[in-house]
C-alpha cells in the first residue's frame, strides 16, 4: 500500500521559498567561479549567466571574461589569499557593492559589482 500524504510539507518548493523569505540570510555574490593557475593567481573560470558579473560595455562586449586574472577585492590583494578569504570578501548582503580589479593582457580594470542571490545551479560561484 502507498504511504499517501506522508511527504513532509517542508519538502515543497513553496515552503522552501517561504522559509527563505522569512529573513534567513541568503548568500549573495557576484557569480564568478575561480581557479588557481600555475603562478598561484586566481583566474576567472566562468561567469554565471545574467549574474552580477555578467556585465557588458555600452557596445555589448563582456567586461569580465573567462581567463581574466583577479587582482583585488575591495582593495585587498588576492594573491596568496585562501579561497575562504576570497569568498568571505566577495560574498555579502544583497544590493551591497563589491569592487574587484581584473587584469587582462597586462591591463587592469576596476569594476563595482552589486551582490545578488546566486541560484542553486551556481553552487561553485562566489
Foldseek 3Di string as FASTA:
>chain_A
DDPPPPDDPCPDPVNVVVVVVVPDDFKWFQAFFWDQDPVQWIWTQDGPVPGQQQDADPVGHRPDDGGWTWQDKQPHGCRVPDVVVVSVSGIDDAQDWIWTWTDDPRDIDIDITGIDGDDPVSVNTD
